[in-house]
């Protein structure tokens, strides 16, 4: 709460100013604080369209999301490329299914494929973020399949 005497910004529940000691007016409890009724999806969309979401920021956020989520391709969700995410997640699930179904050399091969796929999906999120903000055409998934949106 701002002090009417000196303008110092006090805590909301303060009764006296911490700087000059003046008595602060009581807070009107009948007034309701404005509420934000937007959905979480609208808030994310508004954030993505805000000036804070520069190409570097979008690329970094999609990169971090891709690195720290257990489902590969989640960086695409942040960018709004849901079909691309779905394809990447399905490929990840297939690799995981093979990984837990087999043993021996096949398991070792698919562990390597799994690691390569993880690195690729993180990289893919990053290059898609750059393409989106530069308004370039999206690159093909794995260089073979054209998935837009």
Protein backbone atom coordinates (compact mmCIF):
# COMPACT_ATOMS: atom_id res chain seq x y z
CA UNK A 1 0.00 0.00 0.00
CA UNK A 2 1.39 3.41 -0.98
CA UNK A 3 1.76 5.98 1.78
CA UNK A 4 -0.34 9.09 1.03
CA UNK A 5 2.30 11.27 2.75
CA UNK A 6 5.62 10.15 1.30
CA UNK A 7 4.68 7.69 -1.45
CA UNK A 8 6.62 4.78 0.08
CA UNK A 9 5.34 1.36 -1.02
CA UNK A 10 4.49 -0.56 2.19
CA UNK A 11 3.22 -4.08 2.68
CA UNK A 12 -0.52 -4.45 2.02
CA UNK A 13 -1.39 -5.23 5.65
CA UNK A 14 0.65 -2.34 7.15
CA UNK A 15 -1.22 0.20 9.32
CA UNK A 16 1.62 2.75 9.46
CA UNK A 17 4.22 3.77 6.87
CA UNK A 18 7.58 2.08 7.41
CA UNK A 19 9.40 5.17 6.11
CA UNK A 20 7.67 8.21 7.61
CA UNK A 21 5.38 6.63 10.21
CA UNK A 22 2.17 8.20 8.84
CA UNK A 23 -1.07 6.33 9.43
CA UNK A 24 -2.16 4.41 6.34
CA UNK A 25 -5.78 4.28 5.21
CA UNK A 26 -7.60 1.03 5.84
CA UNK A 27 -7.99 -1.28 2.89
CA UNK A 28 -11.53 -1.40 1.50
CA UNK A 29 -12.56 -5.04 1.86
CA UNK A 30 -15.69 -4.58 -0.23
CA UNK A 31 -13.65 -4.06 -3.39
CA UNK A 32 -12.80 -7.26 -5.21
CA UNK A 33 -9.50 -7.75 -6.91
CA UNK A 34 -9.85 -8.12 -10.68
CA UNK A 35 -9.60 -11.74 -11.75
CA UNK A 36 -8.09 -13.13 -14.89
CA UNK A 37 -10.67 -15.48 -16.40
CA UNK A 38 -8.58 -16.52 -19.38
CA UNK A 39 -7.85 -20.22 -19.78
CA UNK A 40 -4.33 -21.51 -19.36
CA UNK A 41 -4.16 -22.06 -23.13
CA UNK A 42 -5.09 -18.43 -23.77
CA UNK A 43 -2.49 -17.27 -21.24
CA UNK A 44 0.19 -19.36 -22.98
CA UNK A 45 -0.91 -18.05 -26.38
CA UNK A 46 -0.81 -14.45 -25.10
CA UNK A 47 2.65 -15.06 -23.63
CA UNK A 48 3.90 -16.55 -26.89
CA UNK A 49 2.63 -13.49 -28.77
CA UNK A 50 4.09 -11.03 -26.28
CA UNK A 51 7.27 -9.06 -27.07
CA UNK A 52 9.16 -11.18 -24.50
CA UNK A 53 8.87 -14.15 -26.82
CA UNK A 54 11.74 -13.34 -29.11
CA UNK A 55 13.18 -15.95 -31.49
CA UNK A 56 15.99 -16.65 -29.03
CA UNK A 57 13.58 -17.02 -26.12
CA UNK A 58 11.25 -19.34 -28.03
CA UNK A 59 14.16 -21.46 -29.21
CA UNK A 60 15.57 -21.65 -25.68
CA UNK A 61 12.20 -22.50 -24.09
CA UNK A 62 11.43 -25.22 -26.63
CA UNK A 63 14.97 -26.57 -26.18
CA UNK A 64 14.62 -26.70 -22.38
CA UNK A 65 11.16 -28.29 -22.59
CA UNK A 66 12.55 -30.87 -24.99
CA UNK A 67 15.50 -31.63 -22.72
CA UNK A 68 13.63 -31.99 -19.46
CA UNK A 69 10.44 -33.83 -20.37
CA UNK A 70 10.15 -37.61 -20.46
CA UNK A 71 8.13 -37.59 -23.70
CA UNK A 72 10.31 -36.70 -26.66
CA UNK A 73 9.14 -33.83 -28.82
CA UNK A 74 7.39 -31.79 -26.10
CA UNK A 75 9.16 -28.66 -27.31
CA UNK A 76 6.84 -28.84 -30.33
CA UNK A 77 3.80 -28.37 -28.05
CA UNK A 78 5.16 -25.00 -26.92
CA UNK A 79 5.57 -23.99 -30.55
CA UNK A 80 2.06 -25.15 -31.45
CA UNK A 81 3.15 -27.96 -33.77
CA UNK A 82 0.88 -30.65 -32.32
CA UNK A 83 1.00 -33.06 -35.27
CA UNK A 84 4.78 -32.97 -35.27
CA UNK A 85 4.80 -33.65 -31.53
CA UNK A 86 2.40 -36.56 -31.99
CA UNK A 87 4.59 -38.18 -34.64
CA UNK A 88 7.74 -37.73 -32.52
CA UNK A 89 5.97 -39.14 -29.43
CA UNK A 90 4.70 -42.19 -31.35
CA UNK A 91 8.17 -42.91 -32.71
CA UNK A 92 9.53 -42.58 -29.15
CA UNK A 93 6.90 -45.01 -27.85
CA UNK A 94 7.76 -47.57 -30.55
CA UNK A 95 11.47 -47.34 -29.72
CA UNK A 96 10.68 -47.75 -25.99
CA UNK A 97 8.45 -50.77 -26.66
CA UNK A 98 11.22 -52.47 -28.63
CA UNK A 99 13.74 -51.48 -25.95
CA UNK A 100 11.83 -53.21 -23.15
CA UNK A 101 10.82 -56.22 -25.26
CA UNK A 102 14.26 -57.45 -26.28
CA UNK A 103 17.57 -58.24 -24.66
CA UNK A 104 21.12 -58.62 -25.83
CA UNK A 105 22.46 -56.92 -28.94
CA UNK A 106 19.03 -55.74 -30.12
CA UNK A 107 18.52 -53.90 -26.82
CA UNK A 108 21.96 -52.26 -27.14
CA UNK A 109 21.20 -51.15 -30.68
CA UNK A 110 17.87 -49.64 -29.65
CA UNK A 111 19.45 -47.92 -26.64
CA UNK A 112 21.75 -46.16 -29.09
CA UNK A 113 18.80 -45.36 -31.37
CA UNK A 114 16.87 -44.06 -28.34
CA UNK A 115 19.70 -41.70 -27.41
CA UNK A 116 20.06 -40.48 -30.98
CA UNK A 117 16.29 -39.94 -31.22
CA UNK A 118 16.31 -37.94 -27.97
CA UNK A 119 19.06 -35.65 -29.25
CA UNK A 120 17.29 -35.30 -32.59
CA UNK A 121 13.92 -34.31 -31.05
CA UNK A 122 15.57 -31.63 -28.92
CA UNK A 123 17.42 -30.31 -31.97
CA UNK A 124 14.22 -30.48 -34.03
CA UNK A 125 12.36 -28.33 -31.47
CA UNK A 126 15.17 -25.80 -31.63
CA UNK A 127 15.27 -25.53 -35.44
CA UNK A 128 11.46 -25.42 -35.64
CA UNK A 129 11.43 -22.49 -33.19
CA UNK A 130 13.94 -20.65 -35.34
CA UNK A 131 12.00 -21.40 -38.53
CA UNK A 132 8.74 -20.25 -36.94
CA UNK A 133 10.11 -16.90 -35.83
CA UNK A 134 11.96 -16.26 -39.06
CA UNK A 135 8.75 -17.26 -40.87
CA UNK A 136 10.59 -19.89 -42.86
CA UNK A 137 9.19 -23.19 -44.02
CA UNK A 138 9.42 -25.95 -41.38
CA UNK A 139 12.14 -28.49 -42.04
CA UNK A 140 11.12 -32.04 -42.87
CA UNK A 141 11.00 -34.45 -39.94
CA UNK A 142 14.13 -36.61 -40.10
CA UNK A 143 14.71 -35.01 -43.47
CA UNK A 144 12.01 -37.20 -45.04
CA UNK A 145 8.48 -36.32 -43.92
CA UNK A 146 6.89 -32.91 -44.35
CA UNK A 147 4.76 -32.27 -41.24
CA UNK A 148 3.36 -28.76 -40.96
CA UNK A 149 1.45 -27.99 -37.79
